[in-house]
Amino acid sequence: MRFIVDTQLPPKLATYLSTKGYSSIHTTYFDNGHLLKDNEKIEIAKGESRIVVTKDSDFSDYYYLKGAPPKILLLKFGNISNKTLIKNFELYLDNLISILTENNFVIFGISGISAS
């Protein structure tokens, strides 16, 4: 599984996913990555078969309207520390991976995990 972690999320999340054996890059990896527009992130995700990890709900709108990128993991934790975010991934990563294998749009947050 391959991920692209969106700008508003910590690079530490991409690093964490990499340590778990998943190809993961943060948008800041790219030149002017913090300025990448959503459509540019989508093109990267499509071109490299990556799942977009974001907390930007605009990606869900784009997904439902245009069916791209291939997969989205939308995070809905609100304002939490990086440590708490990583802890949640640590607790639920196996379940998330399983759900992402079967679904193109997954929401992960304080209410749990849901897919559509």
PDB file of N, CA and C in Angstrom:
ATOM      1  N   MET A   1       0.845  -1.169   0.000  1.00  0.00           N
ATOM      2  CA  MET A   1       0.000   0.000   0.000  1.00  0.00           C
ATOM      3  C   MET A   1       0.896   1.239   0.000  1.00  0.00           C
ATOM      4  N   ARG A   2       0.461   2.256  -0.750  1.00  0.00           N
ATOM      5  CA  ARG A   2       1.264   3.465  -0.926  1.00  0.00           C
ATOM      6  C   ARG A   2       0.419   4.678  -0.510  1.00  0.00           C
ATOM      7  N   PHE A   3       1.040   5.617   0.195  1.00  0.00           N
ATOM      8  CA  PHE A   3       0.321   6.777   0.714  1.00  0.00           C
ATOM      9  C   PHE A   3       0.996   8.084   0.306  1.00  0.00           C
ATOM     10  N   ILE A   4       0.171   9.129   0.163  1.00  0.00           N
ATOM     11  CA  ILE A   4       0.654  10.499   0.107  1.00  0.00           C
ATOM     12  C   ILE A   4      -0.080  11.241   1.223  1.00  0.00           C
ATOM     13  N   VAL A   5       0.690  11.781   2.157  1.00  0.00           N
ATOM     14  CA  VAL A   5       0.137  12.478   3.321  1.00  0.00           C
ATOM     15  C   VAL A   5       0.058  13.961   2.995  1.00  0.00           C
ATOM     16  N   ASP A   6      -1.130  14.513   3.173  1.00  0.00           N
ATOM     17  CA  ASP A   6      -1.407  15.894   2.801  1.00  0.00           C
ATOM     18  C   ASP A   6      -0.685  16.892   3.704  1.00  0.00           C
ATOM     19  N   THR A   7      -0.553  18.090   3.178  1.00  0.00           N
ATOM     20  CA  THR A   7       0.235  19.168   3.782  1.00  0.00           C
ATOM     21  C   THR A   7      -0.146  19.483   5.219  1.00  0.00           C
ATOM     22  N   GLN A   8      -1.440  19.517   5.534  1.00  0.00           N
ATOM     23  CA  GLN A   8      -1.872  19.941   6.860  1.00  0.00           C
ATOM     24  C   GLN A   8      -1.671  18.868   7.932  1.00  0.00           C
ATOM     25  N   LEU A   9      -1.197  17.708   7.519  1.00  0.00           N
ATOM     26  CA  LEU A   9      -0.864  16.646   8.469  1.00  0.00           C
ATOM     27  C   LEU A   9       0.646  16.610   8.679  1.00  0.00           C
ATOM     28  N   PRO A  10       1.082  16.098   9.815  1.00  0.00           N
ATOM     29  CA  PRO A  10       2.527  16.127  10.103  1.00  0.00           C
ATOM     30  C   PRO A  10       3.325  15.152   9.243  1.00  0.00           C
ATOM     31  N   PRO A  11       4.521  15.574   8.809  1.00  0.00           N
ATOM     32  CA  PRO A  11       5.415  14.648   8.106  1.00  0.00           C
ATOM     33  C   PRO A  11       5.701  13.393   8.927  1.00  0.00           C
ATOM     34  N   LYS A  12       5.588  13.518  10.236  1.00  0.00           N
ATOM     35  CA  LYS A  12       5.802  12.381  11.136  1.00  0.00           C
ATOM     36  C   LYS A  12       4.851  11.222  10.811  1.00  0.00           C
ATOM     37  N   LEU A  13       3.662  11.529  10.303  1.00  0.00           N
ATOM     38  CA  LEU A  13       2.720  10.471   9.936  1.00  0.00           C
ATOM     39  C   LEU A  13       3.256   9.679   8.743  1.00  0.00           C
ATOM     40  N   ALA A  14       3.798  10.365   7.753  1.00  0.00           N
ATOM     41  CA  ALA A  14       4.398   9.670   6.606  1.00  0.00           C
ATOM     42  C   ALA A  14       5.571   8.812   7.069  1.00  0.00           C
ATOM     43  N   THR A  15       6.371   9.338   7.964  1.00  0.00           N
ATOM     44  CA  THR A  15       7.502   8.584   8.508  1.00  0.00           C
ATOM     45  C   THR A  15       7.021   7.341   9.246  1.00  0.00           C
ATOM     46  N   TYR A  16       5.981   7.509  10.053  1.00  0.00           N
ATOM     47  CA  TYR A  16       5.416   6.378  10.794  1.00  0.00           C
ATOM     48  C   TYR A  16       4.963   5.275   9.833  1.00  0.00           C
ATOM     49  N   LEU A  17       4.185   5.664   8.814  1.00  0.00           N
ATOM     50  CA  LEU A  17       3.693   4.671   7.850  1.00  0.00           C
ATOM     51  C   LEU A  17       4.850   3.969   7.138  1.00  0.00           C
ATOM     52  N   SER A  18       5.907   4.702   6.854  1.00  0.00           N
ATOM     53  CA  SER A  18       7.091   4.101   6.229  1.00  0.00           C
ATOM     54  C   SER A  18       7.747   3.074   7.143  1.00  0.00           C
ATOM     55  N   THR A  19       7.806   3.378   8.435  1.00  0.00           N
ATOM     56  CA  THR A  19       8.407   2.434   9.376  1.00  0.00           C
ATOM     57  C   THR A  19       7.595   1.156   9.498  1.00  0.00           C
ATOM     58  N   LYS A  20       6.331   1.219   9.114  1.00  0.00           N
ATOM     59  CA  LYS A  20       5.463   0.039   9.149  1.00  0.00           C
ATOM     60  C   LYS A  20       5.493  -0.725   7.826  1.00  0.00           C
ATOM     61  N   GLY A  21       6.360  -0.282   6.915  1.00  0.00           N
ATOM     62  CA  GLY A  21       6.561  -1.016   5.677  1.00  0.00           C
ATOM     63  C   GLY A  21       5.762  -0.517   4.483  1.00  0.00           C
ATOM     64  N   TYR A  22       5.122   0.633   4.619  1.00  0.00           N
ATOM     65  CA  TYR A  22       4.317   1.184   3.526  1.00  0.00           C
ATOM     66  C   TYR A  22       5.053   2.337   2.864  1.00  0.00           C
ATOM     67  N   SER A  23       5.011   2.374   1.552  1.00  0.00           N
ATOM     68  CA  SER A  23       5.600   3.492   0.828  1.00  0.00           C
ATOM     69  C   SER A  23       4.777   4.729   1.144  1.00  0.00           C
ATOM     70  N   SER A  24       5.402   5.705   1.750  1.00  0.00           N
ATOM     71  CA  SER A  24       4.663   6.878   2.204  1.00  0.00           C
ATOM     72  C   SER A  24       5.504   8.136   2.025  1.00  0.00           C
ATOM     73  N   ILE A  25       4.886   9.144   1.413  1.00  0.00           N
ATOM     74  CA  ILE A  25       5.555  10.423   1.239  1.00  0.00           C
ATOM     75  C   ILE A  25       4.634  11.529   1.740  1.00  0.00           C
ATOM     76  N   HIS A  26       5.234  12.575   2.194  1.00  0.00           N
ATOM     77  CA  HIS A  26       4.494  13.765   2.615  1.00  0.00           C
ATOM     78  C   HIS A  26       4.571  14.769   1.468  1.00  0.00           C
ATOM     79  N   THR A  27       3.560  15.600   1.323  1.00  0.00           N
ATOM     80  CA  THR A  27       3.557  16.553   0.216  1.00  0.00           C
ATOM     81  C   THR A  27       4.768  17.481   0.253  1.00  0.00           C
ATOM     82  N   THR A  28       5.330  17.717   1.427  1.00  0.00           N
ATOM     83  CA  THR A  28       6.502  18.586   1.508  1.00  0.00           C
ATOM     84  C   THR A  28       7.739  17.946   0.876  1.00  0.00           C
ATOM     85  N   TYR A  29       7.641  16.689   0.510  1.00  0.00           N
ATOM     86  CA  TYR A  29       8.717  15.989  -0.211  1.00  0.00           C
ATOM     87  C   TYR A  29       8.936  16.627  -1.588  1.00  0.00           C
ATOM     88  N   PHE A  30       7.876  17.163  -2.161  1.00  0.00           N
ATOM     89  CA  PHE A  30       7.927  17.746  -3.500  1.00  0.00           C
ATOM     90  C   PHE A  30       8.364  19.211  -3.431  1.00  0.00           C
ATOM     91  N   ASP A  31       8.978  19.692  -4.517  1.00  0.00           N
ATOM     92  CA  ASP A  31       9.327  21.109  -4.588  1.00  0.00           C
ATOM     93  C   ASP A  31       8.067  21.941  -4.355  1.00  0.00           C
ATOM     94  N   ASN A  32       8.162  22.913  -3.461  1.00  0.00           N
ATOM     95  CA  ASN A  32       7.017  23.751  -3.102  1.00  0.00           C
ATOM     96  C   ASN A  32       5.805  22.916  -2.700  1.00  0.00           C
ATOM     97  N   GLY A  33       6.062  21.787  -2.085  1.00  0.00           N
ATOM     98  CA  GLY A  33       5.002  20.847  -1.712  1.00  0.00           C
ATOM     99  C   GLY A  33       3.943  21.435  -0.821  1.00  0.00           C
ATOM    100  N   HIS A  34       4.332  22.377   0.023  1.00  0.00           N
ATOM    101  CA  HIS A  34       3.342  23.000   0.896  1.00  0.00           C
ATOM    102  C   HIS A  34       2.387  23.896   0.109  1.00  0.00           C
ATOM    103  N   LEU A  35       2.703  24.150  -1.162  1.00  0.00           N
ATOM    104  CA  LEU A  35       1.858  24.980  -2.023  1.00  0.00           C
ATOM    105  C   LEU A  35       1.112  24.159  -3.078  1.00  0.00           C
ATOM    106  N   LEU A  36       1.275  22.835  -3.053  1.00  0.00           N
ATOM    107  CA  LEU A  36       0.593  22.000  -4.042  1.00  0.00           C
ATOM    108  C   LEU A  36      -0.912  22.176  -3.940  1.00  0.00           C
ATOM    109  N   LYS A  37      -1.553  22.306  -5.077  1.00  0.00           N
ATOM    110  CA  LYS A  37      -3.011  22.399  -5.114  1.00  0.00           C
ATOM    111  C   LYS A  37      -3.594  20.987  -5.061  1.00  0.00           C
ATOM    112  N   ASP A  38      -4.854  20.897  -4.643  1.00  0.00           N
ATOM    113  CA  ASP A  38      -5.490  19.589  -4.507  1.00  0.00           C
ATOM    114  C   ASP A  38      -5.423  18.780  -5.799  1.00  0.00           C
ATOM    115  N   ASN A  39      -5.671  19.429  -6.938  1.00  0.00           N
ATOM    116  CA  ASN A  39      -5.641  18.673  -8.196  1.00  0.00           C
ATOM    117  C   ASN A  39      -4.242  18.130  -8.491  1.00  0.00           C
ATOM    118  N   GLU A  40      -3.193  18.828  -8.047  1.00  0.00           N
ATOM    119  CA  GLU A  40      -1.831  18.327  -8.229  1.00  0.00           C
ATOM    120  C   GLU A  40      -1.584  17.113  -7.330  1.00  0.00           C
ATOM    121  N   LYS A  41      -2.099  17.165  -6.115  1.00  0.00           N
ATOM    122  CA  LYS A  41      -1.963  16.024  -5.203  1.00  0.00           C
ATOM    123  C   LYS A  41      -2.703  14.814  -5.749  1.00  0.00           C
ATOM    124  N   ILE A  42      -3.861  15.068  -6.331  1.00  0.00           N
ATOM    125  CA  ILE A  42      -4.647  13.982  -6.919  1.00  0.00           C
ATOM    126  C   ILE A  42      -3.899  13.354  -8.088  1.00  0.00           C
ATOM    127  N   GLU A  43      -3.282  14.169  -8.917  1.00  0.00           N
ATOM    128  CA  GLU A  43      -2.524  13.637 -10.054  1.00  0.00           C
ATOM    129  C   GLU A  43      -1.342  12.800  -9.579  1.00  0.00           C
ATOM    130  N   ILE A  44      -0.674  13.244  -8.518  1.00  0.00           N
ATOM    131  CA  ILE A  44       0.424  12.446  -7.947  1.00  0.00           C
ATOM    132  C   ILE A  44      -0.122  11.111  -7.445  1.00  0.00           C
ATOM    133  N   ALA A  45      -1.226  11.163  -6.710  1.00  0.00           N
ATOM    134  CA  ALA A  45      -1.821   9.939  -6.166  1.00  0.00           C
ATOM    135  C   ALA A  45      -2.207   8.975  -7.283  1.00  0.00           C
ATOM    136  N   LYS A  46      -2.819   9.490  -8.319  1.00  0.00           N
ATOM    137  CA  LYS A  46      -3.212   8.633  -9.444  1.00  0.00           C
ATOM    138  C   LYS A  46      -1.982   8.084 -10.164  1.00  0.00           C
ATOM    139  N   GLY A  47      -1.011   8.951 -10.423  1.00  0.00           N
ATOM    140  CA  GLY A  47       0.175   8.534 -11.165  1.00  0.00           C
ATOM    141  C   GLY A  47       1.038   7.531 -10.436  1.00  0.00           C
ATOM    142  N   GLU A  48       1.035   7.601  -9.098  1.00  0.00           N
ATOM    143  CA  GLU A  48       1.874   6.716  -8.297  1.00  0.00           C
ATOM    144  C   GLU A  48       1.064   5.680  -7.513  1.00  0.00           C
ATOM    145  N   SER A  49      -0.231   5.571  -7.811  1.00  0.00           N
ATOM    146  CA  SER A  49      -1.138   4.629  -7.116  1.00  0.00           C
ATOM    147  C   SER A  49      -1.031   4.781  -5.598  1.00  0.00           C
ATOM    148  N   ARG A  50      -1.202   6.016  -5.141  1.00  0.00           N
ATOM    149  CA  ARG A  50      -1.122   6.308  -3.714  1.00  0.00           C
ATOM    150  C   ARG A  50      -2.495   6.635  -3.145  1.00  0.00           C
ATOM    151  N   ILE A  51      -2.678   6.328  -1.889  1.00  0.00           N
ATOM    152  CA  ILE A  51      -3.869   6.700  -1.145  1.00  0.00           C
ATOM    153  C   ILE A  51      -3.610   8.078  -0.551  1.00  0.00           C
ATOM    154  N   VAL A  52      -4.536   9.007  -0.756  1.00  0.00           N
ATOM    155  CA  VAL A  52      -4.401  10.341  -0.178  1.00  0.00           C
ATOM    156  C   VAL A  52      -4.853  10.272   1.273  1.00  0.00           C
ATOM    157  N   VAL A  53      -3.970  10.652   2.187  1.00  0.00           N
ATOM    158  CA  VAL A  53      -4.299  10.762   3.604  1.00  0.00           C
ATOM    159  C   VAL A  53      -4.438  12.246   3.882  1.00  0.00           C
ATOM    160  N   THR A  54      -5.625  12.668   4.301  1.00  0.00           N
ATOM    161  CA  THR A  54      -5.907  14.089   4.435  1.00  0.00           C
ATOM    162  C   THR A  54      -6.921  14.350   5.541  1.00  0.00           C
ATOM    163  N   LYS A  55      -7.007  15.584   5.957  1.00  0.00           N
ATOM    164  CA  LYS A  55      -8.122  15.982   6.805  1.00  0.00           C
ATOM    165  C   LYS A  55      -8.942  17.063   6.109  1.00  0.00           C
ATOM    166  N   ASP A  56      -8.663  17.245   4.840  1.00  0.00           N
ATOM    167  CA  ASP A  56      -9.337  18.229   4.007  1.00  0.00           C
ATOM    168  C   ASP A  56     -10.580  17.600   3.375  1.00  0.00           C
ATOM    169  N   SER A  57     -11.754  18.019   3.798  1.00  0.00           N
ATOM    170  CA  SER A  57     -12.997  17.428   3.304  1.00  0.00           C
ATOM    171  C   SER A  57     -13.241  17.718   1.826  1.00  0.00           C
ATOM    172  N   ASP A  58     -12.508  18.673   1.234  1.00  0.00           N
ATOM    173  CA  ASP A  58     -12.647  18.927  -0.200  1.00  0.00           C
ATOM    174  C   ASP A  58     -12.307  17.691  -1.030  1.00  0.00           C
ATOM    175  N   PHE A  59     -11.428  16.850  -0.526  1.00  0.00           N
ATOM    176  CA  PHE A  59     -11.075  15.643  -1.264  1.00  0.00           C
ATOM    177  C   PHE A  59     -12.272  14.710  -1.391  1.00  0.00           C
ATOM    178  N   SER A  60     -13.134  14.663  -0.380  1.00  0.00           N
ATOM    179  CA  SER A  60     -14.321  13.815  -0.493  1.00  0.00           C
ATOM    180  C   SER A  60     -15.258  14.353  -1.557  1.00  0.00           C
ATOM    181  N   ASP A  61     -15.409  15.671  -1.634  1.00  0.00           N
ATOM    182  CA  ASP A  61     -16.244  16.267  -2.676  1.00  0.00           C
ATOM    183  C   ASP A  61     -15.702  15.891  -4.052  1.00  0.00           C
ATOM    184  N   TYR A  62     -14.401  16.037  -4.223  1.00  0.00           N
ATOM    185  CA  TYR A  62     -13.769  15.724  -5.503  1.00  0.00           C
ATOM    186  C   TYR A  62     -13.939  14.243  -5.831  1.00  0.00           C
ATOM    187  N   TYR A  63     -13.773  13.401  -4.826  1.00  0.00           N
ATOM    188  CA  TYR A  63     -13.896  11.964  -5.037  1.00  0.00           C
ATOM    189  C   TYR A  63     -15.293  11.610  -5.527  1.00  0.00           C
ATOM    190  N   TYR A  64     -16.323  12.117  -4.849  1.00  0.00           N
ATOM    191  CA  TYR A  64     -17.690  11.772  -5.218  1.00  0.00           C
ATOM    192  C   TYR A  64     -18.107  12.383  -6.552  1.00  0.00           C
ATOM    193  N   LEU A  65     -17.521  13.516  -6.919  1.00  0.00           N
ATOM    194  CA  LEU A  65     -17.853  14.136  -8.191  1.00  0.00           C
ATOM    195  C   LEU A  65     -17.113  13.496  -9.362  1.00  0.00           C
ATOM    196  N   LYS A  66     -15.834  13.164  -9.140  1.00  0.00           N
ATOM    197  CA  LYS A  66     -15.003  12.718 -10.259  1.00  0.00           C
ATOM    198  C   LYS A  66     -14.425  11.317 -10.103  1.00  0.00           C
ATOM    199  N   GLY A  67     -14.603  10.709  -8.951  1.00  0.00           N
ATOM    200  CA  GLY A  67     -14.117   9.354  -8.768  1.00  0.00           C
ATOM    201  C   GLY A  67     -12.614   9.212  -8.664  1.00  0.00           C
ATOM    202  N   ALA A  68     -11.931  10.280  -8.312  1.00  0.00           N
ATOM    203  CA  ALA A  68     -10.474  10.217  -8.202  1.00  0.00           C
ATOM    204  C   ALA A  68     -10.054  11.025  -6.987  1.00  0.00           C
ATOM    205  N   PRO A  69      -8.961  10.783  -6.384  1.00  0.00           N
ATOM    206  CA  PRO A  69      -7.959   9.752  -6.656  1.00  0.00           C
ATOM    207  C   PRO A  69      -8.501   8.365  -6.333  1.00  0.00           C
ATOM    208  N   PRO A  70      -7.694   7.362  -6.601  1.00  0.00           N
ATOM    209  CA  PRO A  70      -8.188   6.001  -6.401  1.00  0.00           C
ATOM    210  C   PRO A  70      -8.729   5.745  -4.995  1.00  0.00           C
ATOM    211  N   LYS A  71      -8.034   6.233  -3.977  1.00  0.00           N
ATOM    212  CA  LYS A  71      -8.478   6.004  -2.604  1.00  0.00           C
ATOM    213  C   LYS A  71      -8.164   7.227  -1.741  1.00  0.00           C
ATOM    214  N   ILE A  72      -9.040   7.439  -0.757  1.00  0.00           N
ATOM    215  CA  ILE A  72      -8.856   8.544   0.177  1.00  0.00           C
ATOM    216  C   ILE A  72      -9.044   8.013   1.590  1.00  0.00           C
ATOM    217  N   LEU A  73      -8.141   8.423   2.484  1.00  0.00           N
ATOM    218  CA  LEU A  73      -8.292   8.201   3.914  1.00  0.00           C
ATOM    219  C   LEU A  73      -8.474   9.576   4.531  1.00  0.00           C
ATOM    220  N   LEU A  74      -9.712   9.894   4.905  1.00  0.00           N
ATOM    221  CA  LEU A  74     -10.056  11.190   5.473  1.00  0.00           C
ATOM    222  C   LEU A  74      -9.996  11.097   6.993  1.00  0.00           C
ATOM    223  N   LEU A  75      -9.154  11.923   7.600  1.00  0.00           N
ATOM    224  CA  LEU A  75      -8.994  11.918   9.052  1.00  0.00           C
ATOM    225  C   LEU A  75      -9.896  12.978   9.669  1.00  0.00           C
ATOM    226  N   LYS A  76     -10.619  12.575  10.711  1.00  0.00           N
ATOM    227  CA  LYS A  76     -11.534  13.489  11.402  1.00  0.00           C
ATOM    228  C   LYS A  76     -11.301  13.391  12.908  1.00  0.00           C
ATOM    229  N   PHE A  77     -10.141  13.856  13.318  1.00  0.00           N
ATOM    230  CA  PHE A  77      -9.797  13.840  14.728  1.00  0.00           C
ATOM    231  C   PHE A  77      -9.894  15.215  15.371  1.00  0.00           C
ATOM    232  N   GLY A  78     -10.087  16.242  14.562  1.00  0.00           N
ATOM    233  CA  GLY A  78     -10.052  17.585  15.118  1.00  0.00           C
ATOM    234  C   GLY A  78      -8.622  17.961  15.444  1.00  0.00           C
ATOM    235  N   ASN A  79      -8.465  18.788  16.432  1.00  0.00           N
ATOM    236  CA  ASN A  79      -7.149  19.286  16.816  1.00  0.00           C
ATOM    237  C   ASN A  79      -6.543  18.367  17.870  1.00  0.00           C
ATOM    238  N   ILE A  80      -5.642  17.488  17.440  1.00  0.00           N
ATOM    239  CA  ILE A  80      -4.973  16.586  18.382  1.00  0.00           C
ATOM    240  C   ILE A  80      -3.472  16.692  18.171  1.00  0.00           C
ATOM    241  N   SER A  81      -2.735  16.234  19.149  1.00  0.00           N
ATOM    242  CA  SER A  81      -1.276  16.275  19.039  1.00  0.00           C
ATOM    243  C   SER A  81      -0.798  15.219  18.041  1.00  0.00           C
ATOM    244  N   ASN A  82       0.396  15.434  17.524  1.00  0.00           N
ATOM    245  CA  ASN A  82       1.000  14.448  16.617  1.00  0.00           C
ATOM    246  C   ASN A  82       1.139  13.098  17.317  1.00  0.00           C
ATOM    247  N   LYS A  83       1.509  13.144  18.580  1.00  0.00           N
ATOM    248  CA  LYS A  83       1.684  11.913  19.354  1.00  0.00           C
ATOM    249  C   LYS A  83       0.376  11.131  19.436  1.00  0.00           C
ATOM    250  N   THR A  84      -0.718  11.826  19.674  1.00  0.00           N
ATOM    251  CA  THR A  84      -2.022  11.170  19.760  1.00  0.00           C
ATOM    252  C   THR A  84      -2.453  10.638  18.401  1.00  0.00           C
ATOM    253  N   LEU A  85      -2.170  11.378  17.345  1.00  0.00           N
ATOM    254  CA  LEU A  85      -2.498  10.920  15.991  1.00  0.00           C
ATOM    255  C   LEU A  85      -1.774   9.612  15.681  1.00  0.00           C
ATOM    256  N   ILE A  86      -0.480   9.586  15.943  1.00  0.00           N
ATOM    257  CA  ILE A  86       0.314   8.372  15.691  1.00  0.00           C
ATOM    258  C   ILE A  86      -0.185   7.223  16.562  1.00  0.00           C
ATOM    259  N   LYS A  87      -0.533   7.513  17.796  1.00  0.00           N
ATOM    260  CA  LYS A  87      -1.045   6.477  18.699  1.00  0.00           C
ATOM    261  C   LYS A  87      -2.323   5.854  18.123  1.00  0.00           C
ATOM    262  N   ASN A  88      -3.214   6.677  17.572  1.00  0.00           N
ATOM    263  CA  ASN A  88      -4.430   6.155  16.960  1.00  0.00           C
ATOM    264  C   ASN A  88      -4.108   5.273  15.764  1.00  0.00           C
ATOM    265  N   PHE A  89      -3.149   5.686  14.949  1.00  0.00           N
ATOM    266  CA  PHE A  89      -2.734   4.849  13.830  1.00  0.00           C
ATOM    267  C   PHE A  89      -2.140   3.546  14.332  1.00  0.00           C
ATOM    268  N   GLU A  90      -1.355   3.623  15.371  1.00  0.00           N
ATOM    269  CA  GLU A  90      -0.744   2.413  15.932  1.00  0.00           C
ATOM    270  C   GLU A  90      -1.826   1.429  16.390  1.00  0.00           C
ATOM    271  N   LEU A  91      -2.864   1.938  17.026  1.00  0.00           N
ATOM    272  CA  LEU A  91      -3.931   1.080  17.535  1.00  0.00           C
ATOM    273  C   LEU A  91      -4.784   0.469  16.425  1.00  0.00           C
ATOM    274  N   TYR A  92      -4.994   1.189  15.346  1.00  0.00           N
ATOM    275  CA  TYR A  92      -5.963   0.771  14.331  1.00  0.00           C
ATOM    276  C   TYR A  92      -5.371   0.503  12.947  1.00  0.00           C
ATOM    277  N   LEU A  93      -4.060   0.498  12.816  1.00  0.00           N
ATOM    278  CA  LEU A  93      -3.446   0.382  11.494  1.00  0.00           C
ATOM    279  C   LEU A  93      -3.853  -0.892  10.761  1.00  0.00           C
ATOM    280  N   ASP A  94      -3.815  -2.030  11.416  1.00  0.00           N
ATOM    281  CA  ASP A  94      -4.175  -3.281  10.746  1.00  0.00           C
ATOM    282  C   ASP A  94      -5.611  -3.226  10.223  1.00  0.00           C
ATOM    283  N   ASN A  95      -6.502  -2.708  11.040  1.00  0.00           N
ATOM    284  CA  ASN A  95      -7.900  -2.578  10.646  1.00  0.00           C
ATOM    285  C   ASN A  95      -8.051  -1.590   9.489  1.00  0.00           C
ATOM    286  N   LEU A  96      -7.339  -0.475   9.567  1.00  0.00           N
ATOM    287  CA  LEU A  96      -7.376   0.513   8.485  1.00  0.00           C
ATOM    288  C   LEU A  96      -6.911  -0.082   7.163  1.00  0.00           C
ATOM    289  N   ILE A  97      -5.815  -0.802   7.195  1.00  0.00           N
ATOM    290  CA  ILE A  97      -5.270  -1.406   5.984  1.00  0.00           C
ATOM    291  C   ILE A  97      -6.273  -2.389   5.392  1.00  0.00           C
ATOM    292  N   SER A  98      -6.877  -3.179   6.231  1.00  0.00           N
ATOM    293  CA  SER A  98      -7.884  -4.134   5.774  1.00  0.00           C
ATOM    294  C   SER A  98      -9.062  -3.421   5.115  1.00  0.00           C
ATOM    295  N   ILE A  99      -9.544  -2.368   5.729  1.00  0.00           N
ATOM    296  CA  ILE A  99     -10.680  -1.616   5.191  1.00  0.00           C
ATOM    297  C   ILE A  99     -10.289  -0.889   3.908  1.00  0.00           C
ATOM    298  N   LEU A 100      -9.085  -0.322   3.865  1.00  0.00           N
ATOM    299  CA  LEU A 100      -8.626   0.361   2.657  1.00  0.00           C
ATOM    300  C   LEU A 100      -8.441  -0.606   1.487  1.00  0.00           C
ATOM    301  N   THR A 101      -8.158  -1.848   1.783  1.00  0.00           N
ATOM    302  CA  THR A 101      -8.022  -2.852   0.730  1.00  0.00           C
ATOM    303  C   THR A 101      -9.350  -3.060   0.004  1.00  0.00           C
ATOM    304  N   GLU A 102     -10.434  -2.953   0.747  1.00  0.00           N
ATOM    305  CA  GLU A 102     -11.763  -3.232   0.200  1.00  0.00           C
ATOM    306  C   GLU A 102     -12.555  -1.990  -0.212  1.00  0.00           C
ATOM    307  N   ASN A 103     -12.112  -0.801   0.210  1.00  0.00           N
ATOM    308  CA  ASN A 103     -12.905   0.416   0.004  1.00  0.00           C
ATOM    309  C   ASN A 103     -12.052   1.551  -0.538  1.00  0.00           C
ATOM    310  N   ASN A 104     -12.682   2.448  -1.286  1.00  0.00           N
ATOM    311  CA  ASN A 104     -11.968   3.578  -1.874  1.00  0.00           C
ATOM    312  C   ASN A 104     -12.033   4.846  -1.047  1.00  0.00           C
ATOM    313  N   PHE A 105     -12.994   4.937  -0.159  1.00  0.00           N
ATOM    314  CA  PHE A 105     -13.140   6.135   0.657  1.00  0.00           C
ATOM    315  C   PHE A 105     -13.366   5.720   2.102  1.00  0.00           C
ATOM    316  N   VAL A 106     -12.401   6.042   2.961  1.00  0.00           N
ATOM    317  CA  VAL A 106     -12.454   5.624   4.362  1.00  0.00           C
ATOM    318  C   VAL A 106     -12.302   6.854   5.245  1.00  0.00           C
ATOM    319  N   ILE A 107     -13.142   6.915   6.273  1.00  0.00           N
ATOM    320  CA  ILE A 107     -13.065   7.990   7.262  1.00  0.00           C
ATOM    321  C   ILE A 107     -12.565   7.379   8.569  1.00  0.00           C
ATOM    322  N   PHE A 108     -11.558   8.020   9.152  1.00  0.00           N
ATOM    323  CA  PHE A 108     -10.960   7.559  10.408  1.00  0.00           C
ATOM    324  C   PHE A 108     -10.919   8.740  11.350  1.00  0.00           C
ATOM    325  N   GLY A 109     -11.569   8.596  12.498  1.00  0.00           N
ATOM    326  CA  GLY A 109     -11.593   9.713  13.439  1.00  0.00           C
ATOM    327  C   GLY A 109     -12.032   9.283  14.823  1.00  0.00           C
ATOM    328  N   ILE A 110     -12.417  10.251  15.621  1.00  0.00           N
ATOM    329  CA  ILE A 110     -12.785   9.984  17.003  1.00  0.00           C
ATOM    330  C   ILE A 110     -14.009   9.075  17.100  1.00  0.00           C
ATOM    331  N   SER A 111     -14.802   9.020  16.040  1.00  0.00           N
ATOM    332  CA  SER A 111     -15.983   8.148  16.022  1.00  0.00           C
ATOM    333  C   SER A 111     -15.683   6.755  15.506  1.00  0.00           C
ATOM    334  N   GLY A 112     -14.436   6.487  15.165  1.00  0.00           N
ATOM    335  CA  GLY A 112     -14.055   5.174  14.658  1.00  0.00           C
ATOM    336  C   GLY A 112     -13.700   5.200  13.188  1.00  0.00           C
ATOM    337  N   ILE A 113     -13.931   4.080  12.524  1.00  0.00           N
ATOM    338  CA  ILE A 113     -13.605   3.915  11.109  1.00  0.00           C
ATOM    339  C   ILE A 113     -14.878   3.603  10.352  1.00  0.00           C
ATOM    340  N   SER A 114     -15.092   4.308   9.240  1.00  0.00           N
ATOM    341  CA  SER A 114     -16.236   3.988   8.386  1.00  0.00           C
ATOM    342  C   SER A 114     -15.775   4.048   6.930  1.00  0.00           C
ATOM    343  N   ALA A 115     -16.490   3.340   6.095  1.00  0.00           N
ATOM    344  CA  ALA A 115     -16.104   3.273   4.671  1.00  0.00           C
ATOM    345  C   ALA A 115     -17.334   3.444   3.793  1.00  0.00           C
ATOM    346  N   SER A 116     -17.046   3.938   2.602  1.00  0.00           N
ATOM    347  CA  SER A 116     -18.135   4.034   1.614  1.00  0.00           C
ATOM    348  C   SER A 116     -17.575   3.855   0.225  1.00  0.00           C
TER     349      SER A 116
END
